[in-house]
Structures are given as structure tokens and as C-alpha cells.
N, C-alpha and C. Protein backbone atom coordinates (compact mmCIF):
# COMPACT_ATOMS: atom_id res chain seq x y z
N MET A 1 0.18 -10.36 -46.26
CA MET A 1 0.23 -9.39 -47.35
C MET A 1 0.58 -8.03 -46.75
N ASP A 2 1.55 -7.33 -47.34
CA ASP A 2 1.86 -6.01 -46.81
C ASP A 2 0.87 -4.98 -47.36
N PHE A 3 0.94 -3.78 -46.83
CA PHE A 3 -0.04 -2.75 -47.16
C PHE A 3 -0.14 -2.48 -48.66
N PHE A 4 1.00 -2.38 -49.34
CA PHE A 4 0.99 -2.06 -50.76
C PHE A 4 0.47 -3.22 -51.60
N GLU A 5 0.69 -4.45 -51.13
CA GLU A 5 0.09 -5.61 -51.79
C GLU A 5 -1.43 -5.58 -51.64
N VAL A 6 -1.90 -5.17 -50.47
CA VAL A 6 -3.35 -5.04 -50.25
C VAL A 6 -3.94 -4.07 -51.27
N ILE A 7 -3.31 -2.91 -51.41
CA ILE A 7 -3.80 -1.92 -52.36
C ILE A 7 -3.77 -2.48 -53.78
N ASP A 8 -2.69 -3.13 -54.16
CA ASP A 8 -2.59 -3.69 -55.51
C ASP A 8 -3.56 -4.83 -55.76
N ASN A 9 -3.90 -5.59 -54.72
CA ASN A 9 -4.77 -6.76 -54.88
C ASN A 9 -6.26 -6.46 -54.75
N ARG A 10 -6.60 -5.28 -54.27
CA ARG A 10 -8.02 -4.95 -54.11
C ARG A 10 -8.71 -4.86 -55.47
N ARG A 11 -9.83 -5.56 -55.58
CA ARG A 11 -10.64 -5.54 -56.79
C ARG A 11 -12.10 -5.43 -56.37
N SER A 12 -12.92 -4.99 -57.27
CA SER A 12 -14.37 -5.01 -57.04
C SER A 12 -14.87 -6.39 -57.40
N ILE A 13 -15.27 -7.13 -56.40
CA ILE A 13 -15.74 -8.51 -56.57
C ILE A 13 -17.26 -8.51 -56.59
N ARG A 14 -17.83 -9.07 -57.65
CA ARG A 14 -19.29 -9.11 -57.79
C ARG A 14 -19.82 -10.53 -57.88
N ALA A 15 -18.96 -11.51 -57.60
CA ALA A 15 -19.38 -12.92 -57.55
C ALA A 15 -18.73 -13.53 -56.31
N PHE A 16 -19.57 -14.15 -55.50
CA PHE A 16 -19.10 -14.66 -54.21
C PHE A 16 -19.41 -16.14 -54.06
N LEU A 17 -18.54 -16.86 -53.36
CA LEU A 17 -18.79 -18.26 -53.03
C LEU A 17 -19.89 -18.34 -51.98
N ASP A 18 -20.60 -19.44 -51.98
CA ASP A 18 -21.62 -19.69 -50.97
C ASP A 18 -20.93 -20.26 -49.73
N LYS A 19 -20.25 -19.37 -49.02
CA LYS A 19 -19.45 -19.76 -47.86
C LYS A 19 -19.57 -18.65 -46.82
N PRO A 20 -19.96 -19.00 -45.61
CA PRO A 20 -20.10 -17.96 -44.57
C PRO A 20 -18.75 -17.40 -44.14
N LEU A 21 -18.79 -16.19 -43.61
CA LEU A 21 -17.58 -15.55 -43.09
C LEU A 21 -17.38 -15.93 -41.63
N GLU A 22 -16.14 -16.10 -41.26
CA GLU A 22 -15.82 -16.41 -39.88
C GLU A 22 -16.00 -15.14 -39.03
N ASP A 23 -16.49 -15.34 -37.80
CA ASP A 23 -16.75 -14.21 -36.90
C ASP A 23 -15.50 -13.38 -36.65
N ASP A 24 -14.34 -14.03 -36.53
CA ASP A 24 -13.12 -13.28 -36.25
C ASP A 24 -12.73 -12.38 -37.41
N LYS A 25 -13.02 -12.80 -38.65
CA LYS A 25 -12.73 -11.95 -39.80
C LYS A 25 -13.67 -10.75 -39.83
N VAL A 26 -14.94 -10.98 -39.53
CA VAL A 26 -15.89 -9.86 -39.48
C VAL A 26 -15.47 -8.88 -38.40
N LYS A 27 -15.06 -9.41 -37.26
CA LYS A 27 -14.62 -8.54 -36.16
C LYS A 27 -13.40 -7.71 -36.57
N THR A 28 -12.45 -8.32 -37.26
CA THR A 28 -11.27 -7.60 -37.71
C THR A 28 -11.64 -6.49 -38.69
N ILE A 29 -12.56 -6.77 -39.58
CA ILE A 29 -13.02 -5.76 -40.54
C ILE A 29 -13.67 -4.59 -39.80
N LEU A 30 -14.52 -4.91 -38.84
CA LEU A 30 -15.20 -3.85 -38.09
C LEU A 30 -14.23 -3.04 -37.24
N GLU A 31 -13.25 -3.71 -36.65
CA GLU A 31 -12.23 -2.99 -35.87
C GLU A 31 -11.42 -2.06 -36.78
N SER A 32 -11.15 -2.51 -37.99
CA SER A 32 -10.43 -1.66 -38.94
C SER A 32 -11.26 -0.45 -39.32
N ALA A 33 -12.55 -0.65 -39.58
CA ALA A 33 -13.44 0.47 -39.90
C ALA A 33 -13.49 1.45 -38.74
N ASN A 34 -13.50 0.94 -37.54
CA ASN A 34 -13.56 1.78 -36.34
C ASN A 34 -12.25 2.54 -36.12
N ALA A 35 -11.15 2.05 -36.67
CA ALA A 35 -9.85 2.70 -36.50
C ALA A 35 -9.64 3.86 -37.48
N ALA A 36 -10.56 4.03 -38.41
CA ALA A 36 -10.40 5.10 -39.42
C ALA A 36 -10.43 6.46 -38.75
N PRO A 37 -9.65 7.40 -39.29
CA PRO A 37 -9.71 8.75 -38.74
C PRO A 37 -11.05 9.40 -39.04
N SER A 38 -11.41 10.38 -38.24
CA SER A 38 -12.66 11.10 -38.46
C SER A 38 -12.50 12.55 -38.03
N ALA A 39 -13.31 13.40 -38.60
CA ALA A 39 -13.25 14.83 -38.29
C ALA A 39 -13.50 15.05 -36.80
N GLY A 40 -12.56 15.69 -36.14
CA GLY A 40 -12.71 15.98 -34.72
C GLY A 40 -12.82 14.75 -33.86
N ASP A 41 -12.45 13.57 -34.40
CA ASP A 41 -12.59 12.28 -33.72
C ASP A 41 -14.03 12.04 -33.25
N LEU A 42 -14.99 12.58 -34.01
CA LEU A 42 -16.41 12.43 -33.64
C LEU A 42 -17.00 11.11 -34.12
N GLN A 43 -16.35 10.45 -35.06
CA GLN A 43 -16.86 9.21 -35.64
C GLN A 43 -18.34 9.35 -36.00
N ALA A 44 -18.61 10.28 -36.91
CA ALA A 44 -19.99 10.55 -37.33
C ALA A 44 -20.42 9.54 -38.39
N VAL A 45 -20.31 8.27 -38.02
CA VAL A 45 -20.65 7.16 -38.91
C VAL A 45 -21.34 6.08 -38.08
N GLU A 46 -22.29 5.42 -38.68
CA GLU A 46 -22.95 4.25 -38.09
C GLU A 46 -22.82 3.13 -39.12
N ILE A 47 -22.54 1.91 -38.65
CA ILE A 47 -22.35 0.76 -39.54
C ILE A 47 -23.41 -0.28 -39.21
N PHE A 48 -24.11 -0.72 -40.24
CA PHE A 48 -25.15 -1.73 -40.09
C PHE A 48 -24.70 -3.02 -40.77
N LEU A 49 -24.75 -4.15 -40.03
CA LEU A 49 -24.38 -5.45 -40.57
C LEU A 49 -25.64 -6.15 -41.08
N ILE A 50 -25.58 -6.61 -42.32
CA ILE A 50 -26.71 -7.31 -42.92
C ILE A 50 -26.26 -8.72 -43.26
N HIS A 51 -26.88 -9.71 -42.58
CA HIS A 51 -26.60 -11.13 -42.81
C HIS A 51 -27.80 -11.83 -43.45
N SER A 52 -28.97 -11.35 -43.18
CA SER A 52 -30.21 -12.00 -43.61
C SER A 52 -30.32 -12.05 -45.12
N GLU A 53 -30.59 -13.24 -45.67
CA GLU A 53 -30.75 -13.38 -47.12
C GLU A 53 -31.87 -12.48 -47.64
N GLU A 54 -32.94 -12.38 -46.88
CA GLU A 54 -34.06 -11.53 -47.30
C GLU A 54 -33.64 -10.06 -47.35
N LYS A 55 -32.96 -9.61 -46.32
CA LYS A 55 -32.53 -8.21 -46.29
C LYS A 55 -31.46 -7.94 -47.37
N LEU A 56 -30.59 -8.92 -47.63
CA LEU A 56 -29.61 -8.76 -48.70
C LEU A 56 -30.30 -8.63 -50.05
N ARG A 57 -31.34 -9.43 -50.28
CA ARG A 57 -32.12 -9.32 -51.53
C ARG A 57 -32.80 -7.95 -51.61
N ASN A 58 -33.35 -7.50 -50.49
CA ASN A 58 -34.00 -6.19 -50.47
C ASN A 58 -32.99 -5.07 -50.74
N LEU A 59 -31.78 -5.20 -50.16
CA LEU A 59 -30.73 -4.21 -50.43
C LEU A 59 -30.36 -4.19 -51.91
N ALA A 60 -30.26 -5.38 -52.51
CA ALA A 60 -29.94 -5.46 -53.93
C ALA A 60 -31.00 -4.74 -54.76
N HIS A 61 -32.24 -4.92 -54.40
CA HIS A 61 -33.34 -4.22 -55.08
C HIS A 61 -33.22 -2.71 -54.87
N ALA A 62 -32.96 -2.29 -53.64
CA ALA A 62 -32.82 -0.86 -53.34
C ALA A 62 -31.60 -0.27 -54.03
N ALA A 63 -30.64 -1.11 -54.37
CA ALA A 63 -29.43 -0.67 -55.06
C ALA A 63 -29.62 -0.78 -56.57
N LEU A 64 -30.84 -0.53 -56.99
CA LEU A 64 -31.15 -0.44 -58.42
C LEU A 64 -30.84 -1.72 -59.18
N GLY A 65 -31.13 -2.85 -58.52
CA GLY A 65 -30.97 -4.14 -59.18
C GLY A 65 -29.56 -4.68 -59.24
N GLN A 66 -28.70 -4.27 -58.33
CA GLN A 66 -27.34 -4.81 -58.28
C GLN A 66 -27.39 -6.11 -57.45
N TYR A 67 -27.86 -7.17 -58.10
CA TYR A 67 -28.21 -8.39 -57.39
C TYR A 67 -27.03 -9.18 -56.86
N PHE A 68 -25.82 -8.83 -57.24
CA PHE A 68 -24.65 -9.48 -56.66
C PHE A 68 -24.58 -9.22 -55.16
N ILE A 69 -25.22 -8.15 -54.68
CA ILE A 69 -25.25 -7.87 -53.24
C ILE A 69 -25.86 -9.05 -52.49
N ALA A 70 -26.86 -9.67 -53.07
CA ALA A 70 -27.54 -10.79 -52.42
C ALA A 70 -26.72 -12.08 -52.46
N GLU A 71 -25.68 -12.12 -53.27
CA GLU A 71 -24.82 -13.31 -53.33
C GLU A 71 -23.81 -13.34 -52.19
N ALA A 72 -23.46 -12.19 -51.66
CA ALA A 72 -22.46 -12.12 -50.60
C ALA A 72 -23.10 -12.52 -49.27
N PRO A 73 -22.32 -13.12 -48.39
CA PRO A 73 -22.88 -13.50 -47.08
C PRO A 73 -23.05 -12.31 -46.13
N LEU A 74 -22.43 -11.17 -46.47
CA LEU A 74 -22.48 -10.02 -45.58
C LEU A 74 -22.46 -8.74 -46.38
N ALA A 75 -23.25 -7.80 -45.93
CA ALA A 75 -23.15 -6.43 -46.45
C ALA A 75 -23.06 -5.51 -45.24
N LEU A 76 -22.19 -4.54 -45.36
CA LEU A 76 -22.09 -3.49 -44.35
C LEU A 76 -22.65 -2.22 -44.99
N VAL A 77 -23.54 -1.56 -44.29
CA VAL A 77 -24.07 -0.29 -44.77
C VAL A 77 -23.49 0.79 -43.88
N PHE A 78 -22.78 1.71 -44.50
CA PHE A 78 -22.14 2.82 -43.81
C PHE A 78 -23.02 4.05 -43.95
N CYS A 79 -23.43 4.60 -42.82
CA CYS A 79 -24.30 5.77 -42.82
C CYS A 79 -23.59 6.94 -42.15
N ALA A 80 -23.77 8.10 -42.74
CA ALA A 80 -23.28 9.33 -42.14
C ALA A 80 -24.26 9.76 -41.05
N HIS A 81 -23.73 10.33 -40.01
CA HIS A 81 -24.54 10.81 -38.89
C HIS A 81 -24.35 12.33 -38.80
N PRO A 82 -25.10 13.10 -39.63
CA PRO A 82 -24.89 14.55 -39.71
C PRO A 82 -24.97 15.27 -38.37
N ALA A 83 -25.86 14.87 -37.49
CA ALA A 83 -26.04 15.58 -36.22
C ALA A 83 -24.78 15.53 -35.36
N ARG A 84 -24.02 14.44 -35.44
CA ARG A 84 -22.78 14.33 -34.65
C ARG A 84 -21.76 15.37 -35.09
N SER A 85 -21.71 15.63 -36.40
CA SER A 85 -20.75 16.62 -36.92
C SER A 85 -21.27 18.04 -36.82
N LEU A 86 -22.58 18.20 -36.88
CA LEU A 86 -23.20 19.53 -36.84
C LEU A 86 -22.84 20.27 -35.56
N ILE A 87 -22.84 19.58 -34.45
CA ILE A 87 -22.61 20.20 -33.15
C ILE A 87 -21.27 20.93 -33.11
N LYS A 88 -20.23 20.33 -33.65
CA LYS A 88 -18.89 20.91 -33.58
C LYS A 88 -18.54 21.75 -34.81
N TYR A 89 -19.06 21.34 -35.99
CA TYR A 89 -18.61 21.96 -37.23
C TYR A 89 -19.70 22.67 -38.03
N GLY A 90 -20.89 22.75 -37.50
CA GLY A 90 -21.96 23.43 -38.21
C GLY A 90 -22.35 22.71 -39.49
N MET A 91 -22.85 23.47 -40.47
CA MET A 91 -23.37 22.88 -41.70
C MET A 91 -22.29 22.15 -42.51
N ARG A 92 -21.07 22.65 -42.49
CA ARG A 92 -20.01 21.94 -43.23
C ARG A 92 -19.82 20.54 -42.66
N GLY A 93 -19.89 20.41 -41.35
CA GLY A 93 -19.79 19.10 -40.73
C GLY A 93 -20.95 18.21 -41.09
N ALA A 94 -22.17 18.78 -41.07
CA ALA A 94 -23.38 18.01 -41.36
C ALA A 94 -23.47 17.60 -42.83
N GLU A 95 -22.92 18.42 -43.71
CA GLU A 95 -23.03 18.12 -45.14
C GLU A 95 -21.80 17.40 -45.70
N LEU A 96 -20.63 17.60 -45.11
CA LEU A 96 -19.41 17.03 -45.68
C LEU A 96 -18.65 16.11 -44.74
N TYR A 97 -18.30 16.61 -43.54
CA TYR A 97 -17.39 15.85 -42.69
C TYR A 97 -17.95 14.47 -42.31
N CYS A 98 -19.24 14.39 -42.04
CA CYS A 98 -19.82 13.10 -41.68
C CYS A 98 -19.78 12.14 -42.88
N VAL A 99 -19.92 12.67 -44.09
CA VAL A 99 -19.82 11.84 -45.30
C VAL A 99 -18.39 11.34 -45.45
N GLN A 100 -17.43 12.21 -45.18
CA GLN A 100 -16.03 11.79 -45.23
C GLN A 100 -15.76 10.72 -44.18
N ASP A 101 -16.32 10.88 -42.99
CA ASP A 101 -16.13 9.87 -41.93
C ASP A 101 -16.64 8.51 -42.39
N ALA A 102 -17.83 8.49 -43.01
CA ALA A 102 -18.41 7.23 -43.46
C ALA A 102 -17.60 6.61 -44.59
N THR A 103 -17.12 7.45 -45.52
CA THR A 103 -16.38 6.90 -46.65
C THR A 103 -15.02 6.35 -46.24
N ILE A 104 -14.33 7.05 -45.36
CA ILE A 104 -13.01 6.53 -44.96
C ILE A 104 -13.17 5.28 -44.10
N SER A 105 -14.21 5.21 -43.32
CA SER A 105 -14.47 4.00 -42.54
C SER A 105 -14.74 2.82 -43.47
N CYS A 106 -15.50 3.07 -44.52
CA CYS A 106 -15.78 2.02 -45.50
C CYS A 106 -14.50 1.61 -46.23
N ALA A 107 -13.66 2.58 -46.57
CA ALA A 107 -12.40 2.26 -47.25
C ALA A 107 -11.51 1.39 -46.37
N TYR A 108 -11.44 1.70 -45.09
CA TYR A 108 -10.65 0.87 -44.18
C TYR A 108 -11.21 -0.55 -44.11
N ALA A 109 -12.53 -0.67 -44.05
CA ALA A 109 -13.17 -2.00 -44.03
C ALA A 109 -12.85 -2.77 -45.31
N GLN A 110 -12.90 -2.08 -46.44
CA GLN A 110 -12.64 -2.73 -47.72
C GLN A 110 -11.19 -3.22 -47.80
N LEU A 111 -10.26 -2.42 -47.35
CA LEU A 111 -8.86 -2.84 -47.37
C LEU A 111 -8.61 -3.98 -46.38
N ALA A 112 -9.28 -3.95 -45.24
CA ALA A 112 -9.16 -5.04 -44.27
C ALA A 112 -9.68 -6.35 -44.88
N ALA A 113 -10.80 -6.28 -45.59
CA ALA A 113 -11.35 -7.47 -46.24
C ALA A 113 -10.33 -8.04 -47.23
N THR A 114 -9.71 -7.17 -48.01
CA THR A 114 -8.70 -7.62 -48.97
C THR A 114 -7.53 -8.29 -48.25
N ALA A 115 -7.06 -7.68 -47.16
CA ALA A 115 -5.95 -8.24 -46.39
C ALA A 115 -6.28 -9.62 -45.83
N LEU A 116 -7.56 -9.89 -45.64
CA LEU A 116 -8.02 -11.19 -45.11
C LEU A 116 -8.36 -12.17 -46.23
N ASP A 117 -7.95 -11.85 -47.46
CA ASP A 117 -8.21 -12.68 -48.64
C ASP A 117 -9.70 -12.82 -48.95
N LEU A 118 -10.46 -11.79 -48.59
CA LEU A 118 -11.88 -11.75 -48.92
C LEU A 118 -12.08 -10.80 -50.09
N GLY A 119 -13.22 -10.92 -50.72
CA GLY A 119 -13.58 -10.02 -51.79
C GLY A 119 -14.64 -9.05 -51.32
N SER A 120 -14.68 -7.90 -51.96
CA SER A 120 -15.70 -6.92 -51.61
C SER A 120 -15.98 -6.04 -52.81
N VAL A 121 -17.12 -5.37 -52.73
CA VAL A 121 -17.44 -4.37 -53.74
C VAL A 121 -18.16 -3.22 -53.04
N TRP A 122 -17.75 -2.02 -53.38
CA TRP A 122 -18.33 -0.79 -52.85
C TRP A 122 -19.50 -0.42 -53.75
N VAL A 123 -20.66 -0.23 -53.16
CA VAL A 123 -21.85 0.15 -53.91
C VAL A 123 -22.31 1.51 -53.42
N GLY A 124 -22.43 2.45 -54.33
CA GLY A 124 -22.86 3.79 -53.97
C GLY A 124 -24.17 4.20 -54.61
N ALA A 125 -24.67 3.38 -55.55
CA ALA A 125 -25.93 3.71 -56.24
C ALA A 125 -27.07 2.95 -55.58
N PHE A 126 -27.94 3.69 -54.90
CA PHE A 126 -29.09 3.09 -54.24
C PHE A 126 -30.08 4.18 -53.87
N GLU A 127 -31.26 3.74 -53.50
CA GLU A 127 -32.29 4.66 -53.03
C GLU A 127 -32.18 4.78 -51.51
N ASP A 128 -31.80 5.97 -51.05
CA ASP A 128 -31.53 6.20 -49.63
C ASP A 128 -32.68 5.76 -48.73
N ASP A 129 -33.89 6.18 -49.06
CA ASP A 129 -35.03 5.87 -48.20
C ASP A 129 -35.28 4.37 -48.09
N LEU A 130 -35.14 3.66 -49.20
CA LEU A 130 -35.32 2.21 -49.16
C LEU A 130 -34.26 1.55 -48.30
N VAL A 131 -33.01 1.98 -48.46
CA VAL A 131 -31.92 1.41 -47.65
C VAL A 131 -32.17 1.67 -46.17
N ASN A 132 -32.51 2.89 -45.82
CA ASN A 132 -32.79 3.20 -44.41
C ASN A 132 -33.91 2.34 -43.87
N ASN A 133 -34.93 2.12 -44.66
CA ASN A 133 -36.06 1.28 -44.23
C ASN A 133 -35.61 -0.16 -44.00
N ILE A 134 -34.81 -0.69 -44.91
CA ILE A 134 -34.34 -2.08 -44.82
C ILE A 134 -33.48 -2.29 -43.57
N ILE A 135 -32.59 -1.34 -43.28
CA ILE A 135 -31.68 -1.52 -42.15
C ILE A 135 -32.27 -1.01 -40.84
N GLY A 136 -33.44 -0.38 -40.92
CA GLY A 136 -34.08 0.12 -39.70
C GLY A 136 -33.40 1.36 -39.14
N ALA A 137 -32.78 2.14 -40.02
CA ALA A 137 -32.09 3.36 -39.57
C ALA A 137 -33.08 4.50 -39.46
N SER A 138 -32.82 5.39 -38.55
CA SER A 138 -33.67 6.57 -38.39
C SER A 138 -33.42 7.53 -39.55
N ASP A 139 -34.34 8.44 -39.73
CA ASP A 139 -34.24 9.41 -40.82
C ASP A 139 -33.08 10.37 -40.65
N ASN A 140 -32.50 10.43 -39.45
CA ASN A 140 -31.38 11.35 -39.24
C ASN A 140 -30.05 10.77 -39.72
N LEU A 141 -30.07 9.55 -40.24
CA LEU A 141 -28.87 8.94 -40.81
C LEU A 141 -28.96 8.94 -42.33
N ARG A 142 -27.82 9.10 -42.98
CA ARG A 142 -27.77 9.13 -44.45
C ARG A 142 -26.90 7.98 -44.93
N PRO A 143 -27.48 7.00 -45.63
CA PRO A 143 -26.64 5.91 -46.15
C PRO A 143 -25.68 6.44 -47.21
N ILE A 144 -24.43 6.04 -47.09
CA ILE A 144 -23.37 6.52 -47.98
C ILE A 144 -22.84 5.41 -48.87
N ALA A 145 -22.66 4.21 -48.32
CA ALA A 145 -22.09 3.12 -49.09
C ALA A 145 -22.57 1.79 -48.55
N ILE A 146 -22.71 0.84 -49.47
CA ILE A 146 -22.95 -0.56 -49.13
C ILE A 146 -21.67 -1.29 -49.51
N LEU A 147 -21.12 -2.07 -48.60
CA LEU A 147 -19.94 -2.86 -48.88
C LEU A 147 -20.31 -4.33 -48.76
N SER A 148 -20.39 -5.01 -49.90
CA SER A 148 -20.66 -6.45 -49.91
C SER A 148 -19.34 -7.18 -49.73
N ILE A 149 -19.35 -8.18 -48.84
CA ILE A 149 -18.11 -8.88 -48.49
C ILE A 149 -18.35 -10.39 -48.49
N GLY A 150 -17.40 -11.13 -49.04
CA GLY A 150 -17.47 -12.58 -49.03
C GLY A 150 -16.23 -13.18 -49.64
N TYR A 151 -16.23 -14.50 -49.76
CA TYR A 151 -15.13 -15.17 -50.44
C TYR A 151 -15.34 -15.02 -51.94
N PRO A 152 -14.33 -14.54 -52.66
CA PRO A 152 -14.51 -14.27 -54.08
C PRO A 152 -14.69 -15.54 -54.91
N ALA A 153 -15.59 -15.44 -55.88
CA ALA A 153 -15.80 -16.51 -56.84
C ALA A 153 -15.31 -16.07 -58.21
N GLU A 154 -14.52 -15.02 -58.24
CA GLU A 154 -13.96 -14.50 -59.48
C GLU A 154 -12.64 -13.81 -59.17
N THR A 155 -11.84 -13.65 -60.19
CA THR A 155 -10.59 -12.90 -60.07
C THR A 155 -10.51 -11.94 -61.25
N PRO A 156 -11.16 -10.79 -61.10
CA PRO A 156 -11.14 -9.84 -62.21
C PRO A 156 -9.76 -9.21 -62.38
N PRO A 157 -9.43 -8.83 -63.60
CA PRO A 157 -8.14 -8.15 -63.82
C PRO A 157 -8.18 -6.75 -63.22
N SER A 158 -7.02 -6.18 -63.02
CA SER A 158 -6.98 -4.80 -62.55
C SER A 158 -7.45 -3.89 -63.67
N THR A 159 -8.04 -2.79 -63.29
CA THR A 159 -8.51 -1.83 -64.29
C THR A 159 -7.49 -0.71 -64.40
N PRO A 160 -7.36 -0.13 -65.58
CA PRO A 160 -6.37 0.93 -65.74
C PRO A 160 -6.77 2.18 -64.96
N SER A 161 -5.77 2.85 -64.44
CA SER A 161 -6.03 4.11 -63.75
C SER A 161 -5.62 5.27 -64.66
N ARG A 162 -5.96 6.46 -64.25
CA ARG A 162 -5.64 7.65 -65.05
C ARG A 162 -4.14 7.87 -65.20
N GLY A 163 -3.41 7.47 -64.24
CA GLY A 163 -1.97 7.73 -64.26
C GLY A 163 -1.66 9.00 -63.48
N ILE A 164 -0.52 8.99 -62.85
CA ILE A 164 -0.11 10.08 -61.96
C ILE A 164 -0.06 11.41 -62.71
N ARG A 165 0.43 11.42 -63.93
CA ARG A 165 0.60 12.68 -64.67
C ARG A 165 -0.73 13.40 -64.93
N SER A 166 -1.80 12.65 -65.13
CA SER A 166 -3.09 13.31 -65.36
C SER A 166 -3.87 13.55 -64.06
N LEU A 167 -3.47 12.88 -63.02
CA LEU A 167 -4.18 12.96 -61.74
C LEU A 167 -3.62 14.04 -60.82
N VAL A 168 -2.30 14.16 -60.78
CA VAL A 168 -1.64 15.03 -59.81
C VAL A 168 -1.28 16.36 -60.47
N HIS A 169 -1.51 17.45 -59.75
CA HIS A 169 -1.21 18.78 -60.22
C HIS A 169 -0.26 19.43 -59.23
N ASP A 170 0.96 19.62 -59.63
CA ASP A 170 1.98 20.21 -58.76
C ASP A 170 1.83 21.72 -58.77
N VAL A 171 1.53 22.31 -57.61
CA VAL A 171 1.29 23.74 -57.52
C VAL A 171 2.43 24.47 -56.79
N THR A 172 3.60 23.87 -56.74
CA THR A 172 4.72 24.50 -56.03
C THR A 172 5.29 25.69 -56.77
């Protein structure tokens, strides 16, 4: 699949087959996430892999009852690492750049999953403290996104977008 097909084929998948992911596919997804650009090349992001059925159920609970998280064989939790950005960029780095690092890393992982014919869904609604407790992260990390990944058990239609005319503002 070429890059533009990947973008066109990406969907939010909330139903997964009961099929484990191959290690090489997980490795490719993680390598893609690691290849994402970051502010000052600081990579102010930490990624936590969740395979345990119990921890996946706990994540689903922490994500305000989004129980499809527990159906996937894998969830990646992307956390911002404010202290890494603070050193070089001050408060703007600690409040924004590290969040951008985590989100772009998650986006790369999501597109890699699509390219590998896997399904994924980006989850942003959750209780930070519960997620940190479940993944064993220190308080200095801020969870930004949960990415559930697995073989899709559904093929949802594409959703309409705003359209270029309402989205883009030409200021030339």
C-alpha cells in the first residue's frame, strides 16, 4: 500500500479479532513511532506496551468505559515527558512540545499499523492518574494517547471531513 492509500484506508477500529499480533509487526510499528520527528530531536515521549488482558481491561475502565480497548491484543500508551523538553525549551517545551512529540509518535504508529493491514483506534479520553498507575509510569510522565491495535473485526465506512475550503485559510 502506498502512503496515500494508507491515509485513505485508516479508520478507527473498535472491534478486533481474537488473534495475536506478530512480533515483527509490533517491532515495525514501534520503529515507525521512533522515527517520528520531535522538537529539538529530544524525543520527549515514552511508549508503554500493554499485552496483559487484565491491564487492557483496567485501561478500558480508566478510559471511561471504552471497553473495545480490552478486545485488542495490544495497546500502546504514549506519554509526554515534560522534563526532557523543559531543559531546552522551558515551559513551552514542558507544556506543548512534549505533547506534540507524543502525538506525532502515536500518529506514525497508527499509520504503520494501517500499512500492515492492522486496525487501530486512538483514544484520548481517560483518567491520567489511573492510566499512569496501570502502566507503572512515574508522575513526571503525562499520558497523551492510548492506541489500541489488532486485526480488525469490522470495516467501518469513511467519515466525512470538513473539506479543504472550510479547513484551509489562505493568508497570502
